Amino acid sequence: FLRPALKTGRVELKADAMVSEILFEGRRAIGVKYLRHGQTHTLYANREVIISAGAVNSPKLLQLSGVGPQDLLADHGIAVKHALAGVGANFRDHYTVRSIARAKSVVTINELSKGWRLGREIFRWFAGQPSILSLSPSMVHVFWRSRFSTQRGDIQILFTPASYKPGSNYVLDDMPGMSTGARQQRPESSGHVRIQSTDPLQAPLIQPNFLEHELDQ
């Protein structure tokens, strides 16, 4: 998608850049400041500024720019451009319960991702054959309705012939293993995203309030 757009000459890509502030003229966004290679740069827009930084970084950027809850902005000494209590509020995410089990008499992805077996999987991928390199983290997805949602699916169940070490981010187990997970698709619990300082490089505070609502429990 991006490469053809760049070839038109109408799109310029600035990699390794972090937008630090939206510039305003009154309540109208007219440009942005961004950090790149230790330097601060400014860009002005001829028509409009589009914020597309995701569910976490979009409210973070707005708050840093003076758009958000007035008390939060005041706590960090940020001049209020537009007091908007909803910026960063109503954050919702899926709480997933995952269980793992040791597998017997079968080879799982845990073993296929190590040693000579991994070399074979890499060769199969280059040869256009089925390989673990082309698999998604979950092999099976089940969408279902609970008794609380009769009109549309509100439960998702995941399964994969692999398992992860406890306390690690996607580090596969040394033992043969498999795992399954279950989550509510439309949680009622909501939290918030709030900046912790005026430093644009510091991650915001994310409080999802998992399982706060009785229905989620």
N, C-alpha and C. Protein backbone atom coordinates (compact mmCIF):
# COMPACT_ATOMS: atom_id res chain seq x y z
N PHE A 1 0.84 -1.21 0.00
CA PHE A 1 0.00 0.00 0.00
C PHE A 1 0.87 1.25 0.00
N LEU A 2 1.92 1.24 0.82
CA LEU A 2 2.72 2.45 1.00
C LEU A 2 3.69 2.70 -0.16
N ARG A 3 4.32 1.64 -0.65
CA ARG A 3 5.32 1.83 -1.70
C ARG A 3 4.73 2.47 -2.97
N PRO A 4 3.59 2.00 -3.47
CA PRO A 4 3.01 2.67 -4.65
C PRO A 4 2.65 4.13 -4.37
N ALA A 5 2.19 4.41 -3.16
CA ALA A 5 1.84 5.79 -2.81
C ALA A 5 3.08 6.68 -2.81
N LEU A 6 4.19 6.14 -2.32
CA LEU A 6 5.43 6.92 -2.30
C LEU A 6 5.92 7.22 -3.72
N LYS A 7 5.68 6.29 -4.64
CA LYS A 7 6.14 6.48 -6.02
C LYS A 7 5.39 7.60 -6.74
N THR A 8 4.22 7.95 -6.25
CA THR A 8 3.47 9.03 -6.89
C THR A 8 4.09 10.40 -6.64
N GLY A 9 4.94 10.49 -5.61
CA GLY A 9 5.53 11.77 -5.26
C GLY A 9 4.64 12.65 -4.41
N ARG A 10 3.44 12.17 -4.09
CA ARG A 10 2.51 12.96 -3.28
C ARG A 10 2.52 12.56 -1.81
N VAL A 11 3.31 11.52 -1.50
CA VAL A 11 3.41 11.05 -0.12
C VAL A 11 4.88 11.03 0.28
N GLU A 12 5.18 11.58 1.43
CA GLU A 12 6.54 11.57 1.95
C GLU A 12 6.55 10.81 3.28
N LEU A 13 7.42 9.84 3.39
CA LEU A 13 7.51 9.02 4.60
C LEU A 13 8.70 9.48 5.43
N LYS A 14 8.46 9.74 6.71
CA LYS A 14 9.53 10.11 7.64
C LYS A 14 9.63 9.01 8.70
N ALA A 15 10.58 8.12 8.52
CA ALA A 15 10.77 7.02 9.47
C ALA A 15 11.54 7.50 10.69
N ASP A 16 11.49 6.71 11.77
CA ASP A 16 12.20 7.04 13.02
C ASP A 16 11.80 8.42 13.53
N ALA A 17 10.54 8.77 13.40
CA ALA A 17 10.05 10.07 13.85
C ALA A 17 8.90 9.89 14.84
N MET A 18 8.86 10.74 15.85
CA MET A 18 7.82 10.69 16.87
C MET A 18 7.14 12.06 16.94
N VAL A 19 5.84 12.11 16.63
CA VAL A 19 5.11 13.37 16.74
C VAL A 19 4.98 13.72 18.22
N SER A 20 5.33 14.93 18.55
CA SER A 20 5.34 15.35 19.96
C SER A 20 4.21 16.31 20.30
N GLU A 21 3.66 17.00 19.30
CA GLU A 21 2.62 18.00 19.59
C GLU A 21 1.85 18.36 18.33
N ILE A 22 0.56 18.58 18.50
CA ILE A 22 -0.27 19.12 17.43
C ILE A 22 -0.32 20.63 17.62
N LEU A 23 -0.06 21.35 16.55
CA LEU A 23 -0.05 22.82 16.62
C LEU A 23 -1.44 23.36 16.30
N PHE A 24 -1.88 24.35 17.07
CA PHE A 24 -3.23 24.89 16.91
C PHE A 24 -3.18 26.39 16.62
N GLU A 25 -4.19 26.80 15.89
CA GLU A 25 -4.49 28.22 15.71
C GLU A 25 -5.93 28.36 16.19
N GLY A 26 -6.08 28.80 17.45
CA GLY A 26 -7.39 28.72 18.08
C GLY A 26 -7.69 27.26 18.36
N ARG A 27 -8.81 26.75 17.84
CA ARG A 27 -9.13 25.34 17.99
C ARG A 27 -8.90 24.56 16.70
N ARG A 28 -8.25 25.18 15.75
CA ARG A 28 -8.00 24.53 14.46
C ARG A 28 -6.56 24.01 14.41
N ALA A 29 -6.42 22.74 14.11
CA ALA A 29 -5.09 22.14 13.99
C ALA A 29 -4.45 22.61 12.68
N ILE A 30 -3.22 23.12 12.78
CA ILE A 30 -2.56 23.67 11.59
C ILE A 30 -1.24 22.96 11.27
N GLY A 31 -0.80 22.06 12.14
CA GLY A 31 0.46 21.36 11.87
C GLY A 31 0.87 20.52 13.05
N VAL A 32 2.10 20.01 13.00
CA VAL A 32 2.62 19.17 14.08
C VAL A 32 4.09 19.47 14.31
N LYS A 33 4.55 19.17 15.54
CA LYS A 33 5.96 19.11 15.84
C LYS A 33 6.33 17.64 15.99
N TYR A 34 7.54 17.29 15.55
CA TYR A 34 7.97 15.90 15.70
C TYR A 34 9.46 15.84 15.99
N LEU A 35 9.83 14.75 16.66
CA LEU A 35 11.23 14.52 17.02
C LEU A 35 11.82 13.49 16.07
N ARG A 36 13.03 13.78 15.59
CA ARG A 36 13.70 12.84 14.70
C ARG A 36 15.21 13.01 14.85
N HIS A 37 15.85 11.91 15.22
CA HIS A 37 17.30 11.91 15.38
C HIS A 37 17.77 13.00 16.34
N GLY A 38 16.99 13.19 17.42
CA GLY A 38 17.38 14.14 18.45
C GLY A 38 17.05 15.59 18.15
N GLN A 39 16.42 15.84 17.01
CA GLN A 39 16.08 17.22 16.62
C GLN A 39 14.56 17.39 16.58
N THR A 40 14.08 18.61 16.89
CA THR A 40 12.66 18.93 16.80
C THR A 40 12.38 19.62 15.48
N HIS A 41 11.37 19.13 14.78
CA HIS A 41 11.00 19.69 13.48
C HIS A 41 9.54 20.12 13.52
N THR A 42 9.17 21.01 12.63
CA THR A 42 7.80 21.52 12.55
C THR A 42 7.28 21.36 11.13
N LEU A 43 6.06 20.87 11.01
CA LEU A 43 5.39 20.76 9.72
C LEU A 43 4.05 21.48 9.80
N TYR A 44 3.73 22.27 8.80
CA TYR A 44 2.44 22.95 8.74
C TYR A 44 1.59 22.33 7.64
N ALA A 45 0.31 22.24 7.88
CA ALA A 45 -0.61 21.62 6.94
C ALA A 45 -1.27 22.66 6.06
N ASN A 46 -1.41 22.33 4.76
CA ASN A 46 -2.14 23.21 3.85
C ASN A 46 -3.65 23.06 4.04
N ARG A 47 -4.07 21.83 4.39
CA ARG A 47 -5.52 21.59 4.50
C ARG A 47 -5.92 21.03 5.86
N GLU A 48 -5.36 19.88 6.24
CA GLU A 48 -5.83 19.26 7.47
C GLU A 48 -4.74 18.40 8.09
N VAL A 49 -4.90 18.14 9.38
CA VAL A 49 -4.03 17.23 10.13
C VAL A 49 -4.85 16.00 10.49
N ILE A 50 -4.35 14.85 10.12
CA ILE A 50 -5.04 13.59 10.42
C ILE A 50 -4.27 12.85 11.50
N ILE A 51 -4.94 12.57 12.61
CA ILE A 51 -4.32 11.82 13.70
C ILE A 51 -4.74 10.36 13.56
N SER A 52 -3.76 9.48 13.39
CA SER A 52 -4.04 8.06 13.26
C SER A 52 -2.97 7.29 14.01
N ALA A 53 -2.98 7.43 15.33
CA ALA A 53 -1.92 6.85 16.17
C ALA A 53 -2.41 5.72 17.06
N GLY A 54 -3.64 5.25 16.83
CA GLY A 54 -4.13 4.11 17.60
C GLY A 54 -4.86 4.50 18.87
N ALA A 55 -5.38 3.49 19.56
CA ALA A 55 -6.22 3.71 20.74
C ALA A 55 -5.45 4.23 21.93
N VAL A 56 -4.12 4.07 21.94
CA VAL A 56 -3.30 4.52 23.06
C VAL A 56 -2.60 5.83 22.73
N ASN A 57 -1.93 5.88 21.60
CA ASN A 57 -1.12 7.06 21.29
C ASN A 57 -1.92 8.24 20.76
N SER A 58 -3.11 8.00 20.23
CA SER A 58 -3.93 9.15 19.80
C SER A 58 -4.35 10.01 20.99
N PRO A 59 -4.94 9.44 22.05
CA PRO A 59 -5.27 10.28 23.20
C PRO A 59 -4.03 10.86 23.88
N LYS A 60 -2.93 10.09 23.88
CA LYS A 60 -1.68 10.62 24.45
C LYS A 60 -1.25 11.89 23.72
N LEU A 61 -1.27 11.85 22.40
CA LEU A 61 -0.84 13.00 21.61
C LEU A 61 -1.79 14.18 21.81
N LEU A 62 -3.07 13.93 21.86
CA LEU A 62 -4.04 15.01 22.09
C LEU A 62 -3.81 15.67 23.44
N GLN A 63 -3.61 14.84 24.47
CA GLN A 63 -3.38 15.39 25.81
C GLN A 63 -2.10 16.21 25.86
N LEU A 64 -1.04 15.73 25.23
CA LEU A 64 0.21 16.48 25.19
C LEU A 64 0.03 17.82 24.47
N SER A 65 -0.95 17.86 23.57
CA SER A 65 -1.18 19.06 22.76
C SER A 65 -2.20 20.01 23.39
N GLY A 66 -2.70 19.67 24.58
CA GLY A 66 -3.64 20.56 25.27
C GLY A 66 -5.09 20.26 25.02
N VAL A 67 -5.38 19.06 24.52
CA VAL A 67 -6.77 18.65 24.30
C VAL A 67 -7.05 17.45 25.19
N GLY A 68 -7.92 17.61 26.17
CA GLY A 68 -8.22 16.52 27.08
C GLY A 68 -8.83 17.01 28.37
N PRO A 69 -8.84 16.12 29.40
CA PRO A 69 -9.41 16.50 30.69
C PRO A 69 -8.65 17.67 31.30
N GLN A 70 -9.35 18.69 31.72
CA GLN A 70 -8.72 19.92 32.20
C GLN A 70 -7.84 19.68 33.42
N ASP A 71 -8.29 18.86 34.37
CA ASP A 71 -7.52 18.60 35.57
C ASP A 71 -6.20 17.89 35.24
N LEU A 72 -6.26 16.94 34.30
CA LEU A 72 -5.06 16.20 33.92
C LEU A 72 -4.04 17.13 33.28
N LEU A 73 -4.51 17.99 32.37
CA LEU A 73 -3.60 18.92 31.71
C LEU A 73 -3.00 19.90 32.71
N ALA A 74 -3.81 20.35 33.65
CA ALA A 74 -3.32 21.30 34.67
C ALA A 74 -2.26 20.65 35.54
N ASP A 75 -2.44 19.38 35.88
CA ASP A 75 -1.47 18.67 36.71
C ASP A 75 -0.09 18.63 36.07
N HIS A 76 -0.06 18.64 34.74
CA HIS A 76 1.22 18.57 34.03
C HIS A 76 1.66 19.92 33.46
N GLY A 77 0.93 20.98 33.83
CA GLY A 77 1.31 22.31 33.39
C GLY A 77 1.14 22.54 31.90
N ILE A 78 0.19 21.85 31.29
CA ILE A 78 -0.06 21.99 29.85
C ILE A 78 -1.19 22.99 29.63
N ALA A 79 -0.95 23.96 28.78
CA ALA A 79 -1.98 24.96 28.49
C ALA A 79 -3.16 24.29 27.79
N VAL A 80 -4.37 24.59 28.27
CA VAL A 80 -5.58 23.96 27.73
C VAL A 80 -5.98 24.63 26.42
N LYS A 81 -5.97 23.86 25.35
CA LYS A 81 -6.46 24.35 24.06
C LYS A 81 -7.95 24.04 23.90
N HIS A 82 -8.33 22.88 24.42
CA HIS A 82 -9.74 22.48 24.36
C HIS A 82 -9.99 21.48 25.47
N ALA A 83 -10.77 21.87 26.47
CA ALA A 83 -11.09 20.97 27.59
C ALA A 83 -12.10 19.93 27.11
N LEU A 84 -11.67 18.68 27.04
CA LEU A 84 -12.51 17.61 26.52
C LEU A 84 -12.30 16.39 27.40
N ALA A 85 -13.25 16.15 28.30
CA ALA A 85 -13.09 15.11 29.32
C ALA A 85 -12.97 13.71 28.72
N GLY A 86 -13.54 13.49 27.53
CA GLY A 86 -13.57 12.15 26.97
C GLY A 86 -12.28 11.67 26.35
N VAL A 87 -11.30 12.56 26.18
CA VAL A 87 -10.03 12.15 25.56
C VAL A 87 -9.27 11.23 26.50
N GLY A 88 -9.09 10.00 26.11
CA GLY A 88 -8.42 9.01 26.94
C GLY A 88 -9.36 8.20 27.80
N ALA A 89 -10.63 8.54 27.81
CA ALA A 89 -11.60 7.80 28.62
C ALA A 89 -12.21 6.66 27.81
N ASN A 90 -12.94 5.79 28.51
CA ASN A 90 -13.67 4.69 27.89
C ASN A 90 -12.75 3.72 27.14
N PHE A 91 -11.56 3.52 27.68
CA PHE A 91 -10.62 2.57 27.08
C PHE A 91 -11.07 1.15 27.40
N ARG A 92 -11.20 0.33 26.36
CA ARG A 92 -11.67 -1.05 26.55
C ARG A 92 -10.73 -2.02 25.85
N ASP A 93 -10.49 -3.13 26.52
CA ASP A 93 -9.63 -4.16 25.93
C ASP A 93 -10.15 -5.53 26.36
N HIS A 94 -9.69 -6.56 25.63
CA HIS A 94 -10.15 -7.92 25.91
C HIS A 94 -9.24 -8.58 26.95
N TYR A 95 -9.84 -9.08 28.00
CA TYR A 95 -9.11 -9.86 28.99
C TYR A 95 -9.18 -11.32 28.57
N THR A 96 -8.02 -11.90 28.29
CA THR A 96 -7.97 -13.28 27.80
C THR A 96 -7.44 -14.21 28.88
N VAL A 97 -8.15 -15.27 29.13
CA VAL A 97 -7.69 -16.32 30.04
C VAL A 97 -7.05 -17.41 29.20
N ARG A 98 -5.76 -17.69 29.46
CA ARG A 98 -5.04 -18.68 28.67
C ARG A 98 -4.60 -19.84 29.55
N SER A 99 -4.76 -21.05 29.05
CA SER A 99 -4.30 -22.23 29.76
C SER A 99 -3.41 -23.04 28.83
N ILE A 100 -2.39 -23.67 29.40
CA ILE A 100 -1.47 -24.47 28.60
C ILE A 100 -1.43 -25.89 29.13
N ALA A 101 -1.04 -26.82 28.27
CA ALA A 101 -0.96 -28.22 28.64
C ALA A 101 0.23 -28.87 27.95
N ARG A 102 0.85 -29.82 28.62
CA ARG A 102 1.93 -30.57 28.01
C ARG A 102 1.33 -31.58 27.03
N ALA A 103 1.90 -31.68 25.85
CA ALA A 103 1.42 -32.61 24.83
C ALA A 103 2.26 -33.88 24.83
N LYS A 104 1.64 -34.99 24.52
CA LYS A 104 2.33 -36.28 24.48
C LYS A 104 2.17 -36.92 23.11
N SER A 105 3.20 -37.61 22.68
CA SER A 105 3.16 -38.42 21.45
C SER A 105 2.84 -37.60 20.21
N VAL A 106 3.25 -36.33 20.20
CA VAL A 106 3.01 -35.48 19.04
C VAL A 106 4.06 -34.36 19.03
N VAL A 107 4.44 -33.92 17.84
CA VAL A 107 5.39 -32.81 17.71
C VAL A 107 4.60 -31.51 17.59
N THR A 108 4.92 -30.56 18.44
CA THR A 108 4.21 -29.27 18.42
C THR A 108 5.13 -28.18 17.85
N ILE A 109 4.58 -26.98 17.73
CA ILE A 109 5.36 -25.86 17.21
C ILE A 109 6.56 -25.56 18.11
N ASN A 110 6.43 -25.88 19.39
CA ASN A 110 7.55 -25.65 20.31
C ASN A 110 8.83 -26.32 19.82
N GLU A 111 8.71 -27.58 19.37
CA GLU A 111 9.88 -28.32 18.89
C GLU A 111 10.26 -27.91 17.47
N LEU A 112 9.25 -27.61 16.65
CA LEU A 112 9.52 -27.23 15.26
C LEU A 112 10.25 -25.89 15.14
N SER A 113 10.24 -25.10 16.20
CA SER A 113 10.88 -23.78 16.15
C SER A 113 12.30 -23.79 16.67
N LYS A 114 12.87 -24.98 16.90
CA LYS A 114 14.21 -25.06 17.47
C LYS A 114 15.08 -26.05 16.70
N GLY A 115 16.40 -25.77 16.69
CA GLY A 115 17.38 -26.70 16.16
C GLY A 115 17.20 -27.03 14.68
N TRP A 116 17.48 -28.30 14.35
CA TRP A 116 17.41 -28.72 12.94
C TRP A 116 16.01 -28.65 12.38
N ARG A 117 15.03 -28.82 13.25
CA ARG A 117 13.64 -28.75 12.77
C ARG A 117 13.32 -27.34 12.26
N LEU A 118 13.84 -26.32 12.94
CA LEU A 118 13.62 -24.95 12.48
C LEU A 118 14.26 -24.73 11.12
N GLY A 119 15.47 -25.28 10.93
CA GLY A 119 16.13 -25.17 9.63
C GLY A 119 15.28 -25.78 8.52
N ARG A 120 14.65 -26.91 8.83
CA ARG A 120 13.78 -27.55 7.84
C ARG A 120 12.56 -26.69 7.54
N GLU A 121 12.01 -26.05 8.58
CA GLU A 121 10.84 -25.20 8.38
C GLU A 121 11.20 -23.98 7.53
N ILE A 122 12.39 -23.42 7.73
CA ILE A 122 12.84 -22.28 6.92
C ILE A 122 13.00 -22.70 5.46
N PHE A 123 13.58 -23.88 5.24
CA PHE A 123 13.73 -24.38 3.87
C PHE A 123 12.37 -24.58 3.21
N ARG A 124 11.42 -25.15 3.96
CA ARG A 124 10.08 -25.38 3.40
C ARG A 124 9.41 -24.05 3.05
N TRP A 125 9.64 -23.03 3.87
CA TRP A 125 9.03 -21.72 3.59
C TRP A 125 9.59 -21.13 2.30
N PHE A 126 10.91 -21.19 2.12
CA PHE A 126 11.52 -20.67 0.89
C PHE A 126 11.08 -21.47 -0.33
N ALA A 127 10.76 -22.75 -0.12
CA ALA A 127 10.34 -23.61 -1.22
C ALA A 127 8.85 -23.47 -1.51
N GLY A 128 8.15 -22.61 -0.75
CA GLY A 128 6.72 -22.43 -0.98
C GLY A 128 5.87 -23.55 -0.42
N GLN A 129 6.41 -24.30 0.53
CA GLN A 129 5.68 -25.41 1.13
C GLN A 129 5.13 -24.99 2.49
N PRO A 130 4.16 -25.74 3.02
CA PRO A 130 3.63 -25.40 4.35
C PRO A 130 4.74 -25.36 5.39
N SER A 131 4.72 -24.31 6.21
CA SER A 131 5.78 -24.10 7.20
C SER A 131 5.23 -23.30 8.36
N ILE A 132 5.85 -23.49 9.54
CA ILE A 132 5.39 -22.74 10.71
C ILE A 132 5.67 -21.25 10.54
N LEU A 133 6.56 -20.87 9.62
CA LEU A 133 6.87 -19.45 9.41
C LEU A 133 5.69 -18.70 8.81
N SER A 134 4.74 -19.40 8.24
CA SER A 134 3.58 -18.75 7.63
C SER A 134 2.33 -18.85 8.49
N LEU A 135 2.48 -19.34 9.72
CA LEU A 135 1.33 -19.52 10.59
C LEU A 135 1.08 -18.30 11.45
N SER A 136 -0.18 -18.10 11.81
CA SER A 136 -0.52 -17.06 12.78
C SER A 136 -0.37 -17.63 14.18
N PRO A 137 -0.36 -16.77 15.22
CA PRO A 137 -0.18 -17.28 16.58
C PRO A 137 -1.25 -18.29 17.01
N SER A 138 -2.46 -18.18 16.46
CA SER A 138 -3.52 -19.12 16.82
C SER A 138 -4.01 -19.84 15.56
N MET A 139 -4.21 -21.15 15.69
CA MET A 139 -4.63 -21.97 14.54
C MET A 139 -6.14 -22.05 14.41
N VAL A 140 -6.82 -22.06 15.56
CA VAL A 140 -8.27 -22.25 15.56
C VAL A 140 -8.93 -21.07 16.27
N HIS A 141 -9.96 -20.52 15.65
CA HIS A 141 -10.73 -19.42 16.24
C HIS A 141 -12.20 -19.82 16.28
N VAL A 142 -12.81 -19.72 17.43
CA VAL A 142 -14.23 -20.02 17.59
C VAL A 142 -14.94 -18.77 18.07
N PHE A 143 -16.00 -18.39 17.38
CA PHE A 143 -16.81 -17.24 17.79
C PHE A 143 -18.20 -17.76 18.16
N TRP A 144 -18.68 -17.35 19.33
CA TRP A 144 -19.93 -17.92 19.82
C TRP A 144 -20.72 -16.89 20.61
N ARG A 145 -21.99 -17.21 20.84
CA ARG A 145 -22.87 -16.33 21.61
C ARG A 145 -23.11 -16.92 22.99
N SER A 146 -23.02 -16.08 24.00
CA SER A 146 -23.37 -16.51 25.35
C SER A 146 -24.85 -16.23 25.58
N ARG A 147 -25.34 -16.62 26.74
CA ARG A 147 -26.74 -16.36 27.05
C ARG A 147 -27.01 -14.89 27.30
N PHE A 148 -25.92 -14.08 27.40
CA PHE A 148 -26.10 -12.64 27.61
C PHE A 148 -26.18 -11.88 26.29
N SER A 149 -25.88 -12.56 25.17
CA SER A 149 -25.91 -11.89 23.87
C SER A 149 -26.52 -12.84 22.85
N THR A 150 -27.80 -12.71 22.64
CA THR A 150 -28.50 -13.63 21.74
C THR A 150 -28.45 -13.19 20.29
N GLN A 151 -28.07 -11.95 20.02
CA GLN A 151 -28.12 -11.41 18.67
C GLN A 151 -26.81 -11.57 17.92
N ARG A 152 -25.68 -11.48 18.61
CA ARG A 152 -24.39 -11.54 17.93
C ARG A 152 -23.34 -12.18 18.85
N GLY A 153 -22.28 -12.70 18.23
CA GLY A 153 -21.25 -13.36 18.99
C GLY A 153 -20.55 -12.43 19.97
N ASP A 154 -20.33 -12.91 21.19
CA ASP A 154 -19.63 -12.11 22.19
C ASP A 154 -18.51 -12.87 22.87
N ILE A 155 -18.25 -14.10 22.42
CA ILE A 155 -17.19 -14.92 23.00
C ILE A 155 -16.26 -15.40 21.89
N GLN A 156 -14.95 -15.37 22.15
CA GLN A 156 -13.97 -15.92 21.23
C GLN A 156 -13.09 -16.92 21.97
N ILE A 157 -12.87 -18.08 21.32
CA ILE A 157 -11.99 -19.11 21.87
C ILE A 157 -10.86 -19.35 20.88
N LEU A 158 -9.63 -19.44 21.38
CA LEU A 158 -8.45 -19.60 20.55
C LEU A 158 -7.75 -20.91 20.89
N PHE A 159 -7.13 -21.54 19.90
CA PHE A 159 -6.33 -22.74 20.15
C PHE A 159 -5.11 -22.73 19.24
N THR A 160 -3.99 -23.19 19.77
CA THR A 160 -2.78 -23.35 18.96
C THR A 160 -1.96 -24.50 19.50
N PRO A 161 -1.33 -25.29 18.63
CA PRO A 161 -0.46 -26.39 19.08
C PRO A 161 0.91 -25.87 19.49
N ALA A 162 0.94 -24.94 20.42
CA ALA A 162 2.16 -24.35 20.95
C ALA A 162 1.84 -23.79 22.33
N SER A 163 2.86 -23.56 23.12
CA SER A 163 2.66 -22.97 24.44
C SER A 163 3.81 -22.04 24.76
N TYR A 164 3.53 -21.07 25.63
CA TYR A 164 4.52 -20.04 25.95
C TYR A 164 4.96 -20.15 27.41
N LYS A 165 6.20 -19.76 27.65
CA LYS A 165 6.72 -19.79 29.00
C LYS A 165 5.99 -18.76 29.86
N PRO A 166 5.65 -19.11 31.10
CA PRO A 166 4.94 -18.16 31.97
C PRO A 166 5.76 -16.90 32.21
N GLY A 167 5.08 -15.76 32.17
CA GLY A 167 5.74 -14.50 32.43
C GLY A 167 6.56 -13.96 31.29
N SER A 168 6.48 -14.60 30.11
CA SER A 168 7.25 -14.16 28.95
C SER A 168 6.32 -13.74 27.83
N ASN A 169 6.79 -12.84 27.00
CA ASN A 169 6.00 -12.40 25.85
C ASN A 169 6.31 -13.26 24.64
N TYR A 170 5.50 -14.27 24.42
CA TYR A 170 5.60 -15.11 23.24
C TYR A 170 6.96 -15.81 23.11
N VAL A 171 7.50 -16.30 24.24
CA VAL A 171 8.68 -17.15 24.22
C VAL A 171 8.19 -18.59 24.37
N LEU A 172 8.42 -19.41 23.36
CA LEU A 172 7.86 -20.76 23.35
C LEU A 172 8.49 -21.64 24.43
N ASP A 173 7.69 -22.58 24.94
CA ASP A 173 8.16 -23.53 25.94
C ASP A 173 9.19 -24.47 25.34
N ASP A 174 10.00 -25.06 26.22
CA ASP A 174 10.94 -26.09 25.79
C ASP A 174 10.25 -27.45 25.67
N MET A 175 9.18 -27.65 26.41
CA MET A 175 8.44 -28.91 26.35
C MET A 175 7.42 -28.87 25.22
N PRO A 176 7.00 -30.05 24.73
CA PRO A 176 5.88 -30.07 23.77
C PRO A 176 4.62 -29.55 24.46
N GLY A 177 3.95 -28.60 23.83
CA GLY A 177 2.79 -28.03 24.51
C GLY A 177 1.75 -27.49 23.57
N MET A 178 0.59 -27.23 24.12
CA MET A 178 -0.51 -26.61 23.38
C MET A 178 -1.20 -25.65 24.33
N SER A 179 -1.93 -24.71 23.78
CA SER A 179 -2.59 -23.72 24.62
C SER A 179 -3.93 -23.32 24.04
N THR A 180 -4.79 -22.87 24.92
CA THR A 180 -6.10 -22.37 24.52
C THR A 180 -6.40 -21.11 25.31
N GLY A 181 -7.18 -20.25 24.71
CA GLY A 181 -7.54 -19.02 25.39
C GLY A 181 -9.00 -18.69 25.13
N ALA A 182 -9.58 -17.91 26.02
CA ALA A 182 -10.97 -17.49 25.87
C ALA A 182 -11.10 -16.04 26.30
N ARG A 183 -11.92 -15.31 25.55
CA ARG A 183 -12.09 -13.90 25.88
C ARG A 183 -13.51 -13.44 25.54
N GLN A 184 -13.91 -12.39 26.20
CA GLN A 184 -15.17 -11.73 25.89
C GLN A 184 -14.90 -10.70 24.80
N GLN A 185 -15.69 -10.73 23.76
CA GLN A 185 -15.44 -9.86 22.61
C GLN A 185 -15.85 -8.42 22.84
N ARG A 186 -16.87 -8.21 23.63
CA ARG A 186 -17.38 -6.85 23.84
C ARG A 186 -17.48 -6.55 25.34
N PRO A 187 -16.34 -6.31 25.99
CA PRO A 187 -16.36 -6.08 27.44
C PRO A 187 -17.07 -4.79 27.81
N GLU A 188 -17.71 -4.80 28.97
CA GLU A 188 -18.38 -3.62 29.48
C GLU A 188 -17.47 -2.79 30.38
N SER A 189 -16.43 -3.40 30.92
CA SER A 189 -15.50 -2.67 31.77
C SER A 189 -14.72 -1.67 30.93
N SER A 190 -14.51 -0.49 31.46
CA SER A 190 -13.76 0.53 30.72
C SER A 190 -12.77 1.21 31.64
N GLY A 191 -11.66 1.63 31.05
CA GLY A 191 -10.62 2.30 31.82
C GLY A 191 -10.22 3.60 31.16
N HIS A 192 -8.92 3.89 31.21
CA HIS A 192 -8.48 5.17 30.66
C HIS A 192 -7.02 5.11 30.22
N VAL A 193 -6.65 6.09 29.40
CA VAL A 193 -5.26 6.31 28.97
C VAL A 193 -4.90 7.74 29.35
N ARG A 194 -3.82 7.90 30.11
CA ARG A 194 -3.44 9.24 30.57
C ARG A 194 -1.93 9.41 30.49
N ILE A 195 -1.50 10.59 30.08
CA ILE A 195 -0.07 10.88 30.04
C ILE A 195 0.47 10.89 31.47
N GLN A 196 1.76 10.54 31.60
CA GLN A 196 2.42 10.57 32.91
C GLN A 196 3.34 11.76 33.07
N SER A 197 3.68 12.40 31.94
CA SER A 197 4.53 13.58 31.98
C SER A 197 4.38 14.31 30.65
N THR A 198 5.12 15.37 30.48
CA THR A 198 5.09 16.11 29.21
C THR A 198 6.12 15.57 28.23
N ASP A 199 6.81 14.52 28.59
CA ASP A 199 7.81 13.91 27.70
C ASP A 199 7.09 13.05 26.66
N PRO A 200 7.15 13.40 25.37
CA PRO A 200 6.44 12.62 24.35
C PRO A 200 7.01 11.23 24.16
N LEU A 201 8.21 10.99 24.67
CA LEU A 201 8.82 9.66 24.52
C LEU A 201 8.42 8.72 25.65
N GLN A 202 7.78 9.24 26.69
CA GLN A 202 7.36 8.40 27.80
C GLN A 202 5.99 7.79 27.50
N ALA A 203 5.88 6.51 27.73
CA ALA A 203 4.61 5.81 27.48
C ALA A 203 3.53 6.33 28.43
N PRO A 204 2.29 6.39 27.98
CA PRO A 204 1.20 6.84 28.87
C PRO A 204 0.81 5.75 29.85
N LEU A 205 0.09 6.15 30.86
CA LEU A 205 -0.46 5.20 31.83
C LEU A 205 -1.72 4.58 31.24
N ILE A 206 -1.77 3.26 31.18
CA ILE A 206 -2.93 2.55 30.64
C ILE A 206 -3.58 1.77 31.77
N GLN A 207 -4.82 2.11 32.09
CA GLN A 207 -5.57 1.42 33.13
C GLN A 207 -6.83 0.83 32.49
N PRO A 208 -6.83 -0.47 32.16
CA PRO A 208 -7.98 -1.05 31.46
C PRO A 208 -9.16 -1.41 32.37
N ASN A 209 -8.91 -1.52 33.70
CA ASN A 209 -9.99 -1.92 34.63
C ASN A 209 -10.64 -3.24 34.21
N PHE A 210 -9.81 -4.22 33.89
CA PHE A 210 -10.32 -5.53 33.50
C PHE A 210 -11.28 -6.08 34.56
N LEU A 211 -12.38 -6.67 34.09
CA LEU A 211 -13.35 -7.39 34.95
C LEU A 211 -14.02 -6.49 35.99
N GLU A 212 -14.02 -5.20 35.76
CA GLU A 212 -14.67 -4.30 36.71
C GLU A 212 -16.19 -4.45 36.67
N HIS A 213 -16.73 -4.62 35.46
CA HIS A 213 -18.18 -4.74 35.30
C HIS A 213 -18.66 -6.15 35.66
N GLU A 214 -19.81 -6.22 36.27
CA GLU A 214 -20.34 -7.51 36.74
C GLU A 214 -20.56 -8.49 35.58
N LEU A 215 -20.98 -8.00 34.42
CA LEU A 215 -21.20 -8.87 33.27
C LEU A 215 -19.89 -9.51 32.81
N ASP A 216 -18.82 -8.74 32.81
CA ASP A 216 -17.52 -9.28 32.43
C ASP A 216 -17.08 -10.37 33.41
N GLN A 217 -17.36 -10.17 34.67
CA GLN A 217 -16.99 -11.17 35.67
C GLN A 217 -17.75 -12.48 35.43
